[in-house]
Amino acid sequence: MTRGGREKDRIDPERKCIATGESQPKAGLIRFCLGPEGHIVPDVLGKLPGRGIYVSADRAAIDKAVKKNLFSRAARQPAKAPDGLADLVEALVLQRTVD
């Protein structure tokens, strides 16, 4: 048993979404990293260096994170999200699925 009283039978590690506040397995979230010039970069493969910022794999959650500037809060430094970030993530996930 873990400290919180839950059974320790989960295989996948959980992460917390910065937009919704829900803890989910990593498979249901999109990882973002902060680029060298302070730009937010979607990390669909999960291999980019740096601290990961997780958002639910939902267009509304990504738009909410951009609109409320939640990436800067999670990164603890100024972060700029590109225009159309949800469209970019959708295209990257689609490309990964096809490959």
PDB file of N, CA and C in Angstrom:
ATOM      1  N   MET A   1       0.838  -1.178   0.000  1.00  0.00           N
ATOM      2  CA  MET A   1       0.000   0.000   0.000  1.00  0.00           C
ATOM      3  C   MET A   1       0.885   1.243   0.000  1.00  0.00           C
ATOM      4  N   THR A   2       0.458   2.280  -0.690  1.00  0.00           N
ATOM      5  CA  THR A   2       1.224   3.518  -0.746  1.00  0.00           C
ATOM      6  C   THR A   2       0.799   4.457   0.363  1.00  0.00           C
ATOM      7  N   ARG A   3       1.430   5.605   0.429  1.00  0.00           N
ATOM      8  CA  ARG A   3       1.114   6.560   1.492  1.00  0.00           C
ATOM      9  C   ARG A   3      -0.327   7.030   1.471  1.00  0.00           C
ATOM     10  N   GLY A   4      -0.879   7.194   0.300  1.00  0.00           N
ATOM     11  CA  GLY A   4      -2.245   7.688   0.191  1.00  0.00           C
ATOM     12  C   GLY A   4      -3.300   6.630   0.482  1.00  0.00           C
ATOM     13  N   GLY A   5      -2.898   5.411   0.764  1.00  0.00           N
ATOM     14  CA  GLY A   5      -3.836   4.355   1.076  1.00  0.00           C
ATOM     15  C   GLY A   5      -4.333   3.608  -0.136  1.00  0.00           C
ATOM     16  N   ARG A   6      -3.789   3.965  -1.324  1.00  0.00           N
ATOM     17  CA  ARG A   6      -4.205   3.271  -2.540  1.00  0.00           C
ATOM     18  C   ARG A   6      -3.319   2.060  -2.767  1.00  0.00           C
ATOM     19  N   GLU A   7      -3.863   1.108  -3.454  1.00  0.00           N
ATOM     20  CA  GLU A   7      -3.087  -0.074  -3.807  1.00  0.00           C
ATOM     21  C   GLU A   7      -2.054   0.287  -4.867  1.00  0.00           C
ATOM     22  N   LYS A   8      -0.913  -0.338  -4.792  1.00  0.00           N
ATOM     23  CA  LYS A   8       0.182  -0.040  -5.714  1.00  0.00           C
ATOM     24  C   LYS A   8       0.184  -1.063  -6.846  1.00  0.00           C
ATOM     25  N   ASP A   9      -0.887  -1.082  -7.633  1.00  0.00           N
ATOM     26  CA  ASP A   9      -0.995  -2.050  -8.716  1.00  0.00           C
ATOM     27  C   ASP A   9      -0.987  -1.396 -10.098  1.00  0.00           C
ATOM     28  N   ARG A  10      -0.764  -0.088 -10.152  1.00  0.00           N
ATOM     29  CA  ARG A  10      -0.716   0.607 -11.437  1.00  0.00           C
ATOM     30  C   ARG A  10       0.623   0.358 -12.118  1.00  0.00           C
ATOM     31  N   ILE A  11       0.584   0.112 -13.409  1.00  0.00           N
ATOM     32  CA  ILE A  11       1.797  -0.125 -14.173  1.00  0.00           C
ATOM     33  C   ILE A  11       2.304   1.182 -14.765  1.00  0.00           C
ATOM     34  N   ASP A  12       1.416   1.956 -15.360  1.00  0.00           N
ATOM     35  CA  ASP A  12       1.804   3.210 -16.004  1.00  0.00           C
ATOM     36  C   ASP A  12       1.933   4.320 -14.964  1.00  0.00           C
ATOM     37  N   PRO A  13       2.987   5.145 -15.082  1.00  0.00           N
ATOM     38  CA  PRO A  13       3.091   6.300 -14.178  1.00  0.00           C
ATOM     39  C   PRO A  13       2.028   7.326 -14.524  1.00  0.00           C
ATOM     40  N   GLU A  14       1.579   8.048 -13.514  1.00  0.00           N
ATOM     41  CA  GLU A  14       0.554   9.064 -13.720  1.00  0.00           C
ATOM     42  C   GLU A  14       1.177  10.452 -13.697  1.00  0.00           C
ATOM     43  N   ARG A  15       0.585  11.352 -14.443  1.00  0.00           N
ATOM     44  CA  ARG A  15       0.982  12.752 -14.474  1.00  0.00           C
ATOM     45  C   ARG A  15      -0.271  13.606 -14.341  1.00  0.00           C
ATOM     46  N   LYS A  16      -0.084  14.846 -13.919  1.00  0.00           N
ATOM     47  CA  LYS A  16      -1.212  15.749 -13.707  1.00  0.00           C
ATOM     48  C   LYS A  16      -1.298  16.751 -14.844  1.00  0.00           C
ATOM     49  N   CYS A  17      -2.489  16.892 -15.403  1.00  0.00           N
ATOM     50  CA  CYS A  17      -2.741  17.847 -16.481  1.00  0.00           C
ATOM     51  C   CYS A  17      -2.761  19.260 -15.903  1.00  0.00           C
ATOM     52  N   ILE A  18      -2.069  20.196 -16.566  1.00  0.00           N
ATOM     53  CA  ILE A  18      -2.027  21.566 -16.058  1.00  0.00           C
ATOM     54  C   ILE A  18      -3.324  22.321 -16.334  1.00  0.00           C
ATOM     55  N   ALA A  19      -4.124  21.844 -17.277  1.00  0.00           N
ATOM     56  CA  ALA A  19      -5.366  22.543 -17.639  1.00  0.00           C
ATOM     57  C   ALA A  19      -6.559  22.053 -16.816  1.00  0.00           C
ATOM     58  N   THR A  20      -6.679  20.745 -16.645  1.00  0.00           N
ATOM     59  CA  THR A  20      -7.842  20.197 -15.949  1.00  0.00           C
ATOM     60  C   THR A  20      -7.555  19.849 -14.498  1.00  0.00           C
ATOM     61  N   GLY A  21      -6.296  19.608 -14.165  1.00  0.00           N
ATOM     62  CA  GLY A  21      -5.938  19.242 -12.800  1.00  0.00           C
ATOM     63  C   GLY A  21      -6.129  17.776 -12.494  1.00  0.00           C
ATOM     64  N   GLU A  22      -6.512  16.977 -13.480  1.00  0.00           N
ATOM     65  CA  GLU A  22      -6.741  15.552 -13.258  1.00  0.00           C
ATOM     66  C   GLU A  22      -5.447  14.772 -13.420  1.00  0.00           C
ATOM     67  N   SER A  23      -5.266  13.755 -12.587  1.00  0.00           N
ATOM     68  CA  SER A  23      -4.136  12.843 -12.741  1.00  0.00           C
ATOM     69  C   SER A  23      -4.563  11.696 -13.627  1.00  0.00           C
ATOM     70  N   GLN A  24      -3.761  11.420 -14.645  1.00  0.00           N
ATOM     71  CA  GLN A  24      -4.063  10.367 -15.611  1.00  0.00           C
ATOM     72  C   GLN A  24      -2.781   9.625 -15.936  1.00  0.00           C
ATOM     73  N   PRO A  25      -2.898   8.427 -16.513  1.00  0.00           N
ATOM     74  CA  PRO A  25      -1.695   7.752 -17.017  1.00  0.00           C
ATOM     75  C   PRO A  25      -1.061   8.585 -18.134  1.00  0.00           C
ATOM     76  N   LYS A  26       0.246   8.467 -18.274  1.00  0.00           N
ATOM     77  CA  LYS A  26       0.969   9.257 -19.270  1.00  0.00           C
ATOM     78  C   LYS A  26       0.451   9.036 -20.683  1.00  0.00           C
ATOM     79  N   ALA A  27      -0.117   7.879 -20.959  1.00  0.00           N
ATOM     80  CA  ALA A  27      -0.594   7.564 -22.305  1.00  0.00           C
ATOM     81  C   ALA A  27      -1.754   8.469 -22.727  1.00  0.00           C
ATOM     82  N   GLY A  28      -2.494   9.016 -21.807  1.00  0.00           N
ATOM     83  CA  GLY A  28      -3.631   9.872 -22.136  1.00  0.00           C
ATOM     84  C   GLY A  28      -3.313  11.348 -22.154  1.00  0.00           C
ATOM     85  N   LEU A  29      -2.035  11.690 -22.047  1.00  0.00           N
ATOM     86  CA  LEU A  29      -1.625  13.089 -21.992  1.00  0.00           C
ATOM     87  C   LEU A  29      -0.619  13.395 -23.092  1.00  0.00           C
ATOM     88  N   ILE A  30      -0.527  14.658 -23.457  1.00  0.00           N
ATOM     89  CA  ILE A  30       0.465  15.129 -24.409  1.00  0.00           C
ATOM     90  C   ILE A  30       1.557  15.844 -23.613  1.00  0.00           C
ATOM     91  N   ARG A  31       2.805  15.505 -23.903  1.00  0.00           N
ATOM     92  CA  ARG A  31       3.932  16.122 -23.203  1.00  0.00           C
ATOM     93  C   ARG A  31       4.426  17.314 -24.011  1.00  0.00           C
ATOM     94  N   PHE A  32       4.693  18.405 -23.321  1.00  0.00           N
ATOM     95  CA  PHE A  32       5.264  19.601 -23.923  1.00  0.00           C
ATOM     96  C   PHE A  32       6.564  19.916 -23.209  1.00  0.00           C
ATOM     97  N   CYS A  33       7.507  20.511 -23.932  1.00  0.00           N
ATOM     98  CA  CYS A  33       8.783  20.943 -23.363  1.00  0.00           C
ATOM     99  C   CYS A  33       9.002  22.405 -23.718  1.00  0.00           C
ATOM    100  N   LEU A  34       9.887  23.016 -22.971  1.00  0.00           N
ATOM    101  CA  LEU A  34      10.254  24.394 -23.236  1.00  0.00           C
ATOM    102  C   LEU A  34      11.500  24.396 -24.104  1.00  0.00           C
ATOM    103  N   GLY A  35      11.409  25.038 -25.269  1.00  0.00           N
ATOM    104  CA  GLY A  35      12.541  25.120 -26.193  1.00  0.00           C
ATOM    105  C   GLY A  35      13.584  26.100 -25.692  1.00  0.00           C
ATOM    106  N   PRO A  36      14.721  26.163 -26.376  1.00  0.00           N
ATOM    107  CA  PRO A  36      15.810  27.026 -25.924  1.00  0.00           C
ATOM    108  C   PRO A  36      15.483  28.520 -25.949  1.00  0.00           C
ATOM    109  N   GLU A  37      14.564  28.936 -26.763  1.00  0.00           N
ATOM    110  CA  GLU A  37      14.212  30.357 -26.835  1.00  0.00           C
ATOM    111  C   GLU A  37      12.906  30.668 -26.113  1.00  0.00           C
ATOM    112  N   GLY A  38      12.451  29.760 -25.261  1.00  0.00           N
ATOM    113  CA  GLY A  38      11.240  29.996 -24.484  1.00  0.00           C
ATOM    114  C   GLY A  38       9.957  29.646 -25.194  1.00  0.00           C
ATOM    115  N   HIS A  39      10.028  28.883 -26.284  1.00  0.00           N
ATOM    116  CA  HIS A  39       8.830  28.470 -27.011  1.00  0.00           C
ATOM    117  C   HIS A  39       8.391  27.086 -26.538  1.00  0.00           C
ATOM    118  N   ILE A  40       7.092  26.875 -26.494  1.00  0.00           N
ATOM    119  CA  ILE A  40       6.541  25.578 -26.125  1.00  0.00           C
ATOM    120  C   ILE A  40       6.599  24.655 -27.336  1.00  0.00           C
ATOM    121  N   VAL A  41       7.118  23.443 -27.118  1.00  0.00           N
ATOM    122  CA  VAL A  41       7.285  22.466 -28.190  1.00  0.00           C
ATOM    123  C   VAL A  41       6.538  21.198 -27.808  1.00  0.00           C
ATOM    124  N   PRO A  42       5.610  20.715 -28.650  1.00  0.00           N
ATOM    125  CA  PRO A  42       4.936  19.450 -28.342  1.00  0.00           C
ATOM    126  C   PRO A  42       5.913  18.284 -28.507  1.00  0.00           C
ATOM    127  N   ASP A  43       5.927  17.396 -27.540  1.00  0.00           N
ATOM    128  CA  ASP A  43       6.825  16.240 -27.540  1.00  0.00           C
ATOM    129  C   ASP A  43       5.974  14.978 -27.620  1.00  0.00           C
ATOM    130  N   VAL A  44       5.548  14.645 -28.818  1.00  0.00           N
ATOM    131  CA  VAL A  44       4.644  13.511 -29.019  1.00  0.00           C
ATOM    132  C   VAL A  44       5.341  12.185 -28.713  1.00  0.00           C
ATOM    133  N   LEU A  45       6.614  12.087 -29.037  1.00  0.00           N
ATOM    134  CA  LEU A  45       7.354  10.847 -28.778  1.00  0.00           C
ATOM    135  C   LEU A  45       7.821  10.733 -27.331  1.00  0.00           C
ATOM    136  N   GLY A  46       7.856  11.844 -26.603  1.00  0.00           N
ATOM    137  CA  GLY A  46       8.263  11.819 -25.206  1.00  0.00           C
ATOM    138  C   GLY A  46       9.757  11.646 -25.003  1.00  0.00           C
ATOM    139  N   LYS A  47      10.575  12.137 -25.954  1.00  0.00           N
ATOM    140  CA  LYS A  47      12.016  11.933 -25.863  1.00  0.00           C
ATOM    141  C   LYS A  47      12.825  13.229 -25.808  1.00  0.00           C
ATOM    142  N   LEU A  48      12.175  14.363 -25.871  1.00  0.00           N
ATOM    143  CA  LEU A  48      12.909  15.620 -25.827  1.00  0.00           C
ATOM    144  C   LEU A  48      13.459  15.857 -24.425  1.00  0.00           C
ATOM    145  N   PRO A  49      14.620  16.511 -24.325  1.00  0.00           N
ATOM    146  CA  PRO A  49      15.184  16.772 -23.003  1.00  0.00           C
ATOM    147  C   PRO A  49      14.427  17.885 -22.288  1.00  0.00           C
ATOM    148  N   GLY A  50      14.546  17.902 -21.007  1.00  0.00           N
ATOM    149  CA  GLY A  50      13.927  18.951 -20.208  1.00  0.00           C
ATOM    150  C   GLY A  50      12.734  18.446 -19.426  1.00  0.00           C
ATOM    151  N   ARG A  51      12.250  19.318 -18.582  1.00  0.00           N
ATOM    152  CA  ARG A  51      11.105  18.993 -17.743  1.00  0.00           C
ATOM    153  C   ARG A  51       9.840  18.964 -18.593  1.00  0.00           C
ATOM    154  N   GLY A  52       9.046  17.940 -18.418  1.00  0.00           N
ATOM    155  CA  GLY A  52       7.827  17.804 -19.187  1.00  0.00           C
ATOM    156  C   GLY A  52       6.662  18.536 -18.561  1.00  0.00           C
ATOM    157  N   ILE A  53       5.826  19.106 -19.404  1.00  0.00           N
ATOM    158  CA  ILE A  53       4.582  19.750 -18.991  1.00  0.00           C
ATOM    159  C   ILE A  53       3.479  18.970 -19.679  1.00  0.00           C
ATOM    160  N   TYR A  54       2.544  18.447 -18.918  1.00  0.00           N
ATOM    161  CA  TYR A  54       1.538  17.541 -19.464  1.00  0.00           C
ATOM    162  C   TYR A  54       0.169  18.202 -19.537  1.00  0.00           C
ATOM    163  N   VAL A  55      -0.494  17.958 -20.683  1.00  0.00           N
ATOM    164  CA  VAL A  55      -1.849  18.453 -20.915  1.00  0.00           C
ATOM    165  C   VAL A  55      -2.663  17.290 -21.481  1.00  0.00           C
ATOM    166  N   SER A  56      -3.926  17.198 -21.088  1.00  0.00           N
ATOM    167  CA  SER A  56      -4.801  16.144 -21.588  1.00  0.00           C
ATOM    168  C   SER A  56      -4.856  16.164 -23.108  1.00  0.00           C
ATOM    169  N   ALA A  57      -4.976  14.995 -23.690  1.00  0.00           N
ATOM    170  CA  ALA A  57      -5.027  14.873 -25.147  1.00  0.00           C
ATOM    171  C   ALA A  57      -6.417  15.273 -25.635  1.00  0.00           C
ATOM    172  N   ASP A  58      -6.745  16.534 -25.437  1.00  0.00           N
ATOM    173  CA  ASP A  58      -8.048  17.076 -25.772  1.00  0.00           C
ATOM    174  C   ASP A  58      -7.840  18.510 -26.275  1.00  0.00           C
ATOM    175  N   ARG A  59      -8.447  18.837 -27.385  1.00  0.00           N
ATOM    176  CA  ARG A  59      -8.275  20.163 -27.979  1.00  0.00           C
ATOM    177  C   ARG A  59      -8.689  21.266 -27.007  1.00  0.00           C
ATOM    178  N   ALA A  60      -9.760  21.068 -26.275  1.00  0.00           N
ATOM    179  CA  ALA A  60     -10.232  22.090 -25.333  1.00  0.00           C
ATOM    180  C   ALA A  60      -9.213  22.325 -24.217  1.00  0.00           C
ATOM    181  N   ALA A  61      -8.579  21.264 -23.735  1.00  0.00           N
ATOM    182  CA  ALA A  61      -7.584  21.407 -22.666  1.00  0.00           C
ATOM    183  C   ALA A  61      -6.350  22.144 -23.171  1.00  0.00           C
ATOM    184  N   ILE A  62      -5.919  21.852 -24.388  1.00  0.00           N
ATOM    185  CA  ILE A  62      -4.749  22.539 -24.957  1.00  0.00           C
ATOM    186  C   ILE A  62      -5.069  24.019 -25.175  1.00  0.00           C
ATOM    187  N   ASP A  63      -6.255  24.313 -25.707  1.00  0.00           N
ATOM    188  CA  ASP A  63      -6.654  25.705 -25.911  1.00  0.00           C
ATOM    189  C   ASP A  63      -6.753  26.459 -24.588  1.00  0.00           C
ATOM    190  N   LYS A  64      -7.246  25.798 -23.551  1.00  0.00           N
ATOM    191  CA  LYS A  64      -7.355  26.418 -22.227  1.00  0.00           C
ATOM    192  C   LYS A  64      -5.969  26.726 -21.668  1.00  0.00           C
ATOM    193  N   ALA A  65      -5.024  25.807 -21.846  1.00  0.00           N
ATOM    194  CA  ALA A  65      -3.663  26.019 -21.352  1.00  0.00           C
ATOM    195  C   ALA A  65      -3.001  27.203 -22.052  1.00  0.00           C
ATOM    196  N   VAL A  66      -3.267  27.364 -23.349  1.00  0.00           N
ATOM    197  CA  VAL A  66      -2.701  28.490 -24.099  1.00  0.00           C
ATOM    198  C   VAL A  66      -3.380  29.790 -23.681  1.00  0.00           C
ATOM    199  N   LYS A  67      -4.702  29.773 -23.603  1.00  0.00           N
ATOM    200  CA  LYS A  67      -5.474  30.976 -23.312  1.00  0.00           C
ATOM    201  C   LYS A  67      -5.154  31.544 -21.929  1.00  0.00           C
ATOM    202  N   LYS A  68      -5.026  30.664 -20.928  1.00  0.00           N
ATOM    203  CA  LYS A  68      -4.787  31.119 -19.559  1.00  0.00           C
ATOM    204  C   LYS A  68      -3.302  31.183 -19.195  1.00  0.00           C
ATOM    205  N   ASN A  69      -2.432  30.981 -20.187  1.00  0.00           N
ATOM    206  CA  ASN A  69      -0.984  31.058 -19.990  1.00  0.00           C
ATOM    207  C   ASN A  69      -0.495  30.094 -18.902  1.00  0.00           C
ATOM    208  N   LEU A  70      -1.041  28.888 -18.922  1.00  0.00           N
ATOM    209  CA  LEU A  70      -0.680  27.894 -17.913  1.00  0.00           C
ATOM    210  C   LEU A  70       0.690  27.275 -18.159  1.00  0.00           C
ATOM    211  N   PHE A  71       1.199  27.361 -19.383  1.00  0.00           N
ATOM    212  CA  PHE A  71       2.533  26.831 -19.670  1.00  0.00           C
ATOM    213  C   PHE A  71       3.598  27.619 -18.919  1.00  0.00           C
ATOM    214  N   SER A  72       3.447  28.938 -18.844  1.00  0.00           N
ATOM    215  CA  SER A  72       4.411  29.765 -18.117  1.00  0.00           C
ATOM    216  C   SER A  72       4.392  29.440 -16.628  1.00  0.00           C
ATOM    217  N   ARG A  73       3.229  29.226 -16.098  1.00  0.00           N
ATOM    218  CA  ARG A  73       3.112  28.891 -14.683  1.00  0.00           C
ATOM    219  C   ARG A  73       3.750  27.542 -14.386  1.00  0.00           C
ATOM    220  N   ALA A  74       3.512  26.567 -15.241  1.00  0.00           N
ATOM    221  CA  ALA A  74       4.061  25.230 -15.012  1.00  0.00           C
ATOM    222  C   ALA A  74       5.576  25.201 -15.219  1.00  0.00           C
ATOM    223  N   ALA A  75       6.087  25.994 -16.162  1.00  0.00           N
ATOM    224  CA  ALA A  75       7.519  26.019 -16.435  1.00  0.00           C
ATOM    225  C   ALA A  75       8.277  26.921 -15.461  1.00  0.00           C
ATOM    226  N   ARG A  76       7.538  27.741 -14.728  1.00  0.00           N
ATOM    227  CA  ARG A  76       8.116  28.683 -13.776  1.00  0.00           C
ATOM    228  C   ARG A  76       9.033  29.703 -14.453  1.00  0.00           C
ATOM    229  N   GLN A  77       8.716  30.019 -15.685  1.00  0.00           N
ATOM    230  CA  GLN A  77       9.426  31.038 -16.442  1.00  0.00           C
ATOM    231  C   GLN A  77       8.570  31.421 -17.649  1.00  0.00           C
ATOM    232  N   PRO A  78       8.864  32.545 -18.288  1.00  0.00           N
ATOM    233  CA  PRO A  78       8.054  32.945 -19.454  1.00  0.00           C
ATOM    234  C   PRO A  78       8.119  31.892 -20.560  1.00  0.00           C
ATOM    235  N   ALA A  79       6.964  31.568 -21.098  1.00  0.00           N
ATOM    236  CA  ALA A  79       6.874  30.582 -22.174  1.00  0.00           C
ATOM    237  C   ALA A  79       5.885  31.088 -23.207  1.00  0.00           C
ATOM    238  N   LYS A  80       6.272  30.973 -24.480  1.00  0.00           N
ATOM    239  CA  LYS A  80       5.414  31.436 -25.564  1.00  0.00           C
ATOM    240  C   LYS A  80       4.868  30.234 -26.326  1.00  0.00           C
ATOM    241  N   ALA A  81       3.566  30.133 -26.409  1.00  0.00           N
ATOM    242  CA  ALA A  81       2.934  29.053 -27.172  1.00  0.00           C
ATOM    243  C   ALA A  81       2.673  29.557 -28.594  1.00  0.00           C
ATOM    244  N   PRO A  82       3.005  28.764 -29.606  1.00  0.00           N
ATOM    245  CA  PRO A  82       2.768  29.201 -30.987  1.00  0.00           C
ATOM    246  C   PRO A  82       1.271  29.255 -31.306  1.00  0.00           C
ATOM    247  N   ASP A  83       0.931  30.071 -32.277  1.00  0.00           N
ATOM    248  CA  ASP A  83      -0.461  30.141 -32.727  1.00  0.00           C
ATOM    249  C   ASP A  83      -0.852  28.805 -33.336  1.00  0.00           C
ATOM    250  N   GLY A  84      -2.049  28.343 -33.039  1.00  0.00           N
ATOM    251  CA  GLY A  84      -2.528  27.077 -33.589  1.00  0.00           C
ATOM    252  C   GLY A  84      -1.843  25.866 -32.983  1.00  0.00           C
ATOM    253  N   LEU A  85      -1.544  25.921 -31.704  1.00  0.00           N
ATOM    254  CA  LEU A  85      -0.847  24.814 -31.041  1.00  0.00           C
ATOM    255  C   LEU A  85      -1.676  23.534 -31.081  1.00  0.00           C
ATOM    256  N   ALA A  86      -2.983  23.641 -30.908  1.00  0.00           N
ATOM    257  CA  ALA A  86      -3.847  22.450 -30.947  1.00  0.00           C
ATOM    258  C   ALA A  86      -3.811  21.796 -32.325  1.00  0.00           C
ATOM    259  N   ASP A  87      -3.779  22.603 -33.381  1.00  0.00           N
ATOM    260  CA  ASP A  87      -3.687  22.058 -34.744  1.00  0.00           C
ATOM    261  C   ASP A  87      -2.349  21.365 -34.971  1.00  0.00           C
ATOM    262  N   LEU A  88      -1.282  21.958 -34.455  1.00  0.00           N
ATOM    263  CA  LEU A  88       0.050  21.362 -34.577  1.00  0.00           C
ATOM    264  C   LEU A  88       0.123  20.018 -33.863  1.00  0.00           C
ATOM    265  N   VAL A  89      -0.430  19.957 -32.666  1.00  0.00           N
ATOM    266  CA  VAL A  89      -0.436  18.700 -31.902  1.00  0.00           C
ATOM    267  C   VAL A  89      -1.249  17.641 -32.631  1.00  0.00           C
ATOM    268  N   GLU A  90      -2.388  18.039 -33.160  1.00  0.00           N
ATOM    269  CA  GLU A  90      -3.233  17.097 -33.895  1.00  0.00           C
ATOM    270  C   GLU A  90      -2.499  16.530 -35.107  1.00  0.00           C
ATOM    271  N   ALA A  91      -1.789  17.399 -35.829  1.00  0.00           N
ATOM    272  CA  ALA A  91      -1.033  16.930 -36.996  1.00  0.00           C
ATOM    273  C   ALA A  91       0.099  15.991 -36.603  1.00  0.00           C
ATOM    274  N   LEU A  92       0.791  16.291 -35.502  1.00  0.00           N
ATOM    275  CA  LEU A  92       1.884  15.437 -35.041  1.00  0.00           C
ATOM    276  C   LEU A  92       1.391  14.072 -34.574  1.00  0.00           C
ATOM    277  N   VAL A  93       0.269  14.062 -33.866  1.00  0.00           N
ATOM    278  CA  VAL A  93      -0.296  12.783 -33.404  1.00  0.00           C
ATOM    279  C   VAL A  93      -0.776  11.961 -34.586  1.00  0.00           C
ATOM    280  N   LEU A  94      -1.375  12.595 -35.570  1.00  0.00           N
ATOM    281  CA  LEU A  94      -1.816  11.914 -36.774  1.00  0.00           C
ATOM    282  C   LEU A  94      -0.617  11.320 -37.530  1.00  0.00           C
ATOM    283  N   GLN A  95       0.442  12.102 -37.650  1.00  0.00           N
ATOM    284  CA  GLN A  95       1.654  11.626 -38.335  1.00  0.00           C
ATOM    285  C   GLN A  95       2.270  10.446 -37.590  1.00  0.00           C
ATOM    286  N   ARG A  96       2.285  10.519 -36.276  1.00  0.00           N
ATOM    287  CA  ARG A  96       2.835   9.395 -35.492  1.00  0.00           C
ATOM    288  C   ARG A  96       1.983   8.142 -35.654  1.00  0.00           C
ATOM    289  N   THR A  97       0.677   8.320 -35.720  1.00  0.00           N
ATOM    290  CA  THR A  97      -0.225   7.196 -35.886  1.00  0.00           C
ATOM    291  C   THR A  97      -0.014   6.534 -37.249  1.00  0.00           C
ATOM    292  N   VAL A  98       0.159   7.340 -38.281  1.00  0.00           N
ATOM    293  CA  VAL A  98       0.362   6.813 -39.626  1.00  0.00           C
ATOM    294  C   VAL A  98       1.707   6.099 -39.733  1.00  0.00           C
ATOM    295  N   ASP A  99       2.732   6.673 -39.123  1.00  0.00           N
ATOM    296  CA  ASP A  99       4.059   6.048 -39.170  1.00  0.00           C
ATOM    297  C   ASP A  99       4.049   4.775 -38.365  1.00  0.00           C
TER     298      ASP A  99
END
